[in-house]
């Protein structure tokens, strides 16, 4: 049985990479940043998805809905990060 934390790291890598691919630009490009972006994006996307009735990120399962919701959350974080950097 695969540990749950390994699923979150892999989901974070996939979602963070997809978000950076869909929204190219000058962002920190390290692998660790991408994984953290995807993991936090999965949390944000899961909250937004549950609030909007789309569903959430499922623990321990890889399905397209979970990846899409996590990627959506990571995209939101990228947009907010870029807006914050412009104001600074």
N, C-alpha and C. Protein backbone atom coordinates (compact mmCIF):
# COMPACT_ATOMS: atom_id res chain seq x y z
N UNK A 1 0.84 -1.18 0.00
CA UNK A 1 0.00 0.00 0.00
C UNK A 1 0.89 1.25 0.00
N UNK A 2 0.59 2.17 -0.86
CA UNK A 2 1.38 3.39 -1.00
C UNK A 2 0.99 4.39 0.09
N UNK A 3 1.98 5.01 0.74
CA UNK A 3 1.66 6.01 1.77
C UNK A 3 0.92 7.21 1.18
N UNK A 4 0.03 7.78 1.98
CA UNK A 4 -0.79 8.89 1.53
C UNK A 4 0.05 10.12 1.16
N UNK A 5 1.12 10.36 1.90
CA UNK A 5 1.94 11.55 1.62
C UNK A 5 2.57 11.46 0.23
N UNK A 6 2.83 10.25 -0.25
CA UNK A 6 3.40 10.09 -1.59
C UNK A 6 2.40 10.50 -2.67
N UNK A 7 1.12 10.20 -2.45
CA UNK A 7 0.09 10.64 -3.37
C UNK A 7 0.03 12.17 -3.44
N UNK A 8 0.13 12.81 -2.27
CA UNK A 8 0.06 14.28 -2.24
C UNK A 8 1.25 14.91 -2.95
N UNK A 9 2.43 14.33 -2.78
CA UNK A 9 3.61 14.86 -3.46
C UNK A 9 3.47 14.69 -4.97
N UNK A 10 3.01 13.52 -5.41
CA UNK A 10 2.84 13.28 -6.85
C UNK A 10 1.74 14.16 -7.42
N UNK A 11 0.62 14.30 -6.70
CA UNK A 11 -0.44 15.19 -7.16
C UNK A 11 0.05 16.64 -7.22
N UNK A 12 0.85 17.04 -6.22
CA UNK A 12 1.40 18.39 -6.22
C UNK A 12 2.32 18.63 -7.40
N UNK A 13 3.14 17.64 -7.73
CA UNK A 13 4.04 17.78 -8.88
C UNK A 13 3.25 17.89 -10.18
N UNK A 14 2.24 17.05 -10.34
CA UNK A 14 1.44 17.07 -11.57
C UNK A 14 0.66 18.38 -11.68
N UNK A 15 -0.04 18.76 -10.62
CA UNK A 15 -0.87 19.98 -10.66
C UNK A 15 -0.01 21.23 -10.79
N UNK A 16 1.09 21.30 -10.06
CA UNK A 16 1.97 22.47 -10.16
C UNK A 16 2.60 22.59 -11.53
N UNK A 17 3.00 21.48 -12.11
CA UNK A 17 3.59 21.50 -13.46
C UNK A 17 2.56 21.92 -14.50
N UNK A 18 1.34 21.40 -14.39
CA UNK A 18 0.29 21.79 -15.33
C UNK A 18 -0.04 23.27 -15.21
N UNK A 19 -0.12 23.77 -13.98
CA UNK A 19 -0.43 25.19 -13.78
C UNK A 19 0.66 26.07 -14.37
N UNK A 20 1.93 25.70 -14.16
CA UNK A 20 3.02 26.49 -14.73
C UNK A 20 3.06 26.39 -16.25
N UNK A 21 2.63 25.25 -16.80
CA UNK A 21 2.57 25.09 -18.25
C UNK A 21 1.45 25.93 -18.83
N UNK A 22 0.29 25.96 -18.17
CA UNK A 22 -0.85 26.72 -18.67
C UNK A 22 -0.68 28.22 -18.50
N UNK A 23 0.15 28.62 -17.54
CA UNK A 23 0.37 30.05 -17.27
C UNK A 23 1.86 30.33 -17.21
N UNK A 24 2.52 30.34 -18.36
CA UNK A 24 3.97 30.55 -18.35
C UNK A 24 4.33 31.97 -17.93
N UNK A 25 5.49 32.10 -17.40
CA UNK A 25 5.96 33.42 -16.97
C UNK A 25 7.17 33.26 -16.08
N UNK A 26 7.54 34.34 -15.45
CA UNK A 26 8.73 34.34 -14.59
C UNK A 26 8.32 34.02 -13.16
N UNK A 27 8.28 32.77 -12.86
CA UNK A 27 7.99 32.29 -11.51
C UNK A 27 9.18 31.47 -11.03
N UNK A 28 9.30 31.29 -9.72
CA UNK A 28 10.35 30.38 -9.25
C UNK A 28 10.15 29.00 -9.89
N UNK A 29 11.19 28.45 -10.46
CA UNK A 29 11.04 27.26 -11.30
C UNK A 29 11.55 25.99 -10.65
N UNK A 30 11.85 26.01 -9.38
CA UNK A 30 12.39 24.81 -8.75
C UNK A 30 11.35 23.72 -8.58
N UNK A 31 11.83 22.51 -8.49
CA UNK A 31 10.95 21.35 -8.35
C UNK A 31 10.20 21.39 -7.02
N UNK A 32 10.88 21.79 -5.96
CA UNK A 32 10.24 21.87 -4.64
C UNK A 32 9.12 22.91 -4.66
N UNK A 33 9.38 24.06 -5.27
CA UNK A 33 8.35 25.10 -5.38
C UNK A 33 7.15 24.59 -6.15
N UNK A 34 7.39 23.85 -7.23
CA UNK A 34 6.30 23.33 -8.05
C UNK A 34 5.46 22.34 -7.25
N UNK A 35 6.09 21.47 -6.48
CA UNK A 35 5.36 20.50 -5.66
C UNK A 35 4.54 21.21 -4.59
N UNK A 36 5.15 22.17 -3.90
CA UNK A 36 4.44 22.91 -2.86
C UNK A 36 3.27 23.69 -3.47
N UNK A 37 3.50 24.31 -4.62
CA UNK A 37 2.43 25.02 -5.33
C UNK A 37 1.27 24.09 -5.62
N UNK A 38 1.56 22.89 -6.10
CA UNK A 38 0.51 21.93 -6.41
C UNK A 38 -0.22 21.42 -5.19
N UNK A 39 0.50 21.17 -4.10
CA UNK A 39 -0.14 20.67 -2.87
C UNK A 39 -1.04 21.74 -2.27
N UNK A 40 -0.55 22.96 -2.17
CA UNK A 40 -1.39 24.05 -1.65
C UNK A 40 -2.52 24.34 -2.63
N UNK A 41 -2.23 24.24 -3.92
CA UNK A 41 -3.27 24.41 -4.93
C UNK A 41 -4.36 23.36 -4.81
N UNK A 42 -3.99 22.12 -4.46
CA UNK A 42 -4.99 21.07 -4.25
C UNK A 42 -5.88 21.41 -3.07
N UNK A 43 -5.29 21.96 -2.02
CA UNK A 43 -6.08 22.36 -0.86
C UNK A 43 -7.03 23.50 -1.22
N UNK A 44 -6.51 24.54 -1.88
CA UNK A 44 -7.33 25.68 -2.27
C UNK A 44 -8.40 25.25 -3.28
N UNK A 45 -8.00 24.47 -4.26
CA UNK A 45 -8.95 23.99 -5.25
C UNK A 45 -10.01 23.08 -4.65
N UNK A 46 -9.61 22.26 -3.68
CA UNK A 46 -10.57 21.40 -3.00
C UNK A 46 -11.61 22.19 -2.22
N UNK A 47 -11.15 23.24 -1.54
CA UNK A 47 -12.10 24.10 -0.82
C UNK A 47 -13.05 24.82 -1.78
N UNK A 48 -12.48 25.39 -2.85
CA UNK A 48 -13.31 26.09 -3.84
C UNK A 48 -14.25 25.12 -4.54
N UNK A 49 -13.76 23.94 -4.89
CA UNK A 49 -14.59 22.95 -5.56
C UNK A 49 -15.74 22.48 -4.69
N UNK A 50 -15.48 22.26 -3.41
CA UNK A 50 -16.55 21.85 -2.49
C UNK A 50 -17.56 22.98 -2.31
N UNK A 51 -17.07 24.21 -2.25
CA UNK A 51 -17.96 25.36 -2.07
C UNK A 51 -18.84 25.57 -3.30
N UNK A 52 -18.27 25.34 -4.50
CA UNK A 52 -19.02 25.52 -5.75
C UNK A 52 -19.81 24.28 -6.16
N UNK A 53 -19.64 23.18 -5.45
CA UNK A 53 -20.36 21.96 -5.77
C UNK A 53 -19.72 21.11 -6.85
N UNK A 54 -18.45 21.34 -7.14
CA UNK A 54 -17.74 20.56 -8.16
C UNK A 54 -17.18 19.26 -7.60
N UNK A 55 -17.09 19.17 -6.30
CA UNK A 55 -16.43 18.03 -5.67
C UNK A 55 -15.11 18.48 -5.09
N UNK A 56 -14.35 17.56 -4.58
CA UNK A 56 -13.07 17.90 -3.97
C UNK A 56 -11.98 16.97 -4.44
N UNK A 57 -10.82 17.15 -3.88
CA UNK A 57 -9.68 16.29 -4.18
C UNK A 57 -9.82 15.04 -3.32
N UNK A 58 -9.77 13.88 -3.94
CA UNK A 58 -9.94 12.63 -3.21
C UNK A 58 -8.61 12.12 -2.71
N UNK A 59 -8.57 11.70 -1.47
CA UNK A 59 -7.34 11.20 -0.89
C UNK A 59 -7.00 9.82 -1.42
N UNK A 60 -5.76 9.67 -1.84
CA UNK A 60 -5.28 8.36 -2.24
C UNK A 60 -5.75 7.88 -3.60
N UNK A 61 -6.37 8.75 -4.38
CA UNK A 61 -6.84 8.36 -5.71
C UNK A 61 -6.39 9.40 -6.73
N UNK A 62 -6.02 8.93 -7.90
CA UNK A 62 -5.69 9.83 -8.99
C UNK A 62 -6.79 9.71 -10.02
N UNK A 63 -7.58 10.73 -10.13
CA UNK A 63 -8.56 10.78 -11.20
C UNK A 63 -8.47 12.17 -11.82
N UNK A 64 -9.05 12.33 -12.97
CA UNK A 64 -8.94 13.60 -13.69
C UNK A 64 -9.57 14.75 -12.91
N UNK A 65 -10.65 14.48 -12.19
CA UNK A 65 -11.30 15.54 -11.43
C UNK A 65 -10.37 16.09 -10.35
N UNK A 66 -9.70 15.21 -9.62
CA UNK A 66 -8.79 15.66 -8.57
C UNK A 66 -7.63 16.45 -9.16
N UNK A 67 -7.08 15.99 -10.27
CA UNK A 67 -5.98 16.71 -10.91
C UNK A 67 -6.45 18.06 -11.43
N UNK A 68 -7.63 18.11 -12.02
CA UNK A 68 -8.16 19.37 -12.55
C UNK A 68 -8.43 20.37 -11.43
N UNK A 69 -9.00 19.91 -10.33
CA UNK A 69 -9.29 20.81 -9.21
C UNK A 69 -7.99 21.32 -8.59
N UNK A 70 -7.01 20.44 -8.43
CA UNK A 70 -5.72 20.86 -7.88
C UNK A 70 -5.02 21.85 -8.80
N UNK A 71 -5.10 21.61 -10.11
CA UNK A 71 -4.50 22.53 -11.08
C UNK A 71 -5.19 23.89 -11.04
N UNK A 72 -6.52 23.89 -10.92
CA UNK A 72 -7.27 25.14 -10.80
C UNK A 72 -6.79 25.93 -9.58
N UNK A 73 -6.64 25.25 -8.45
CA UNK A 73 -6.16 25.91 -7.24
C UNK A 73 -4.76 26.46 -7.41
N UNK A 74 -3.88 25.71 -8.09
CA UNK A 74 -2.51 26.17 -8.33
C UNK A 74 -2.51 27.38 -9.26
N UNK A 75 -3.39 27.40 -10.25
CA UNK A 75 -3.49 28.57 -11.13
C UNK A 75 -3.93 29.80 -10.35
N UNK A 76 -4.88 29.64 -9.45
CA UNK A 76 -5.33 30.76 -8.61
C UNK A 76 -4.16 31.29 -7.79
N UNK A 77 -3.37 30.38 -7.22
CA UNK A 77 -2.21 30.82 -6.44
C UNK A 77 -1.17 31.54 -7.29
N UNK A 78 -0.96 31.08 -8.53
CA UNK A 78 -0.02 31.76 -9.42
C UNK A 78 -0.50 33.18 -9.73
N UNK A 79 -1.79 33.33 -10.01
CA UNK A 79 -2.34 34.65 -10.31
C UNK A 79 -2.19 35.57 -9.10
N UNK A 80 -2.54 35.08 -7.91
CA UNK A 80 -2.41 35.90 -6.71
C UNK A 80 -0.96 36.26 -6.43
N UNK A 81 -0.04 35.33 -6.66
CA UNK A 81 1.38 35.61 -6.46
C UNK A 81 1.89 36.67 -7.41
N UNK A 82 1.46 36.61 -8.64
CA UNK A 82 1.89 37.63 -9.62
C UNK A 82 1.31 38.99 -9.29
N UNK A 83 0.06 39.03 -8.84
CA UNK A 83 -0.53 40.32 -8.46
C UNK A 83 0.18 40.91 -7.25
N UNK A 84 0.54 40.08 -6.30
CA UNK A 84 1.25 40.55 -5.12
C UNK A 84 2.64 41.07 -5.47
N UNK A 85 3.32 40.42 -6.41
CA UNK A 85 4.66 40.87 -6.81
C UNK A 85 4.61 42.18 -7.58
N UNK A 86 3.55 42.42 -8.32
CA UNK A 86 3.43 43.68 -9.07
C UNK A 86 3.24 44.86 -8.13
N UNK A 87 2.53 44.64 -7.03
CA UNK A 87 2.27 45.72 -6.08
C UNK A 87 3.47 46.00 -5.20
N UNK A 88 4.36 45.06 -5.09
CA UNK A 88 5.52 45.23 -4.20
C UNK A 88 6.63 45.99 -4.88
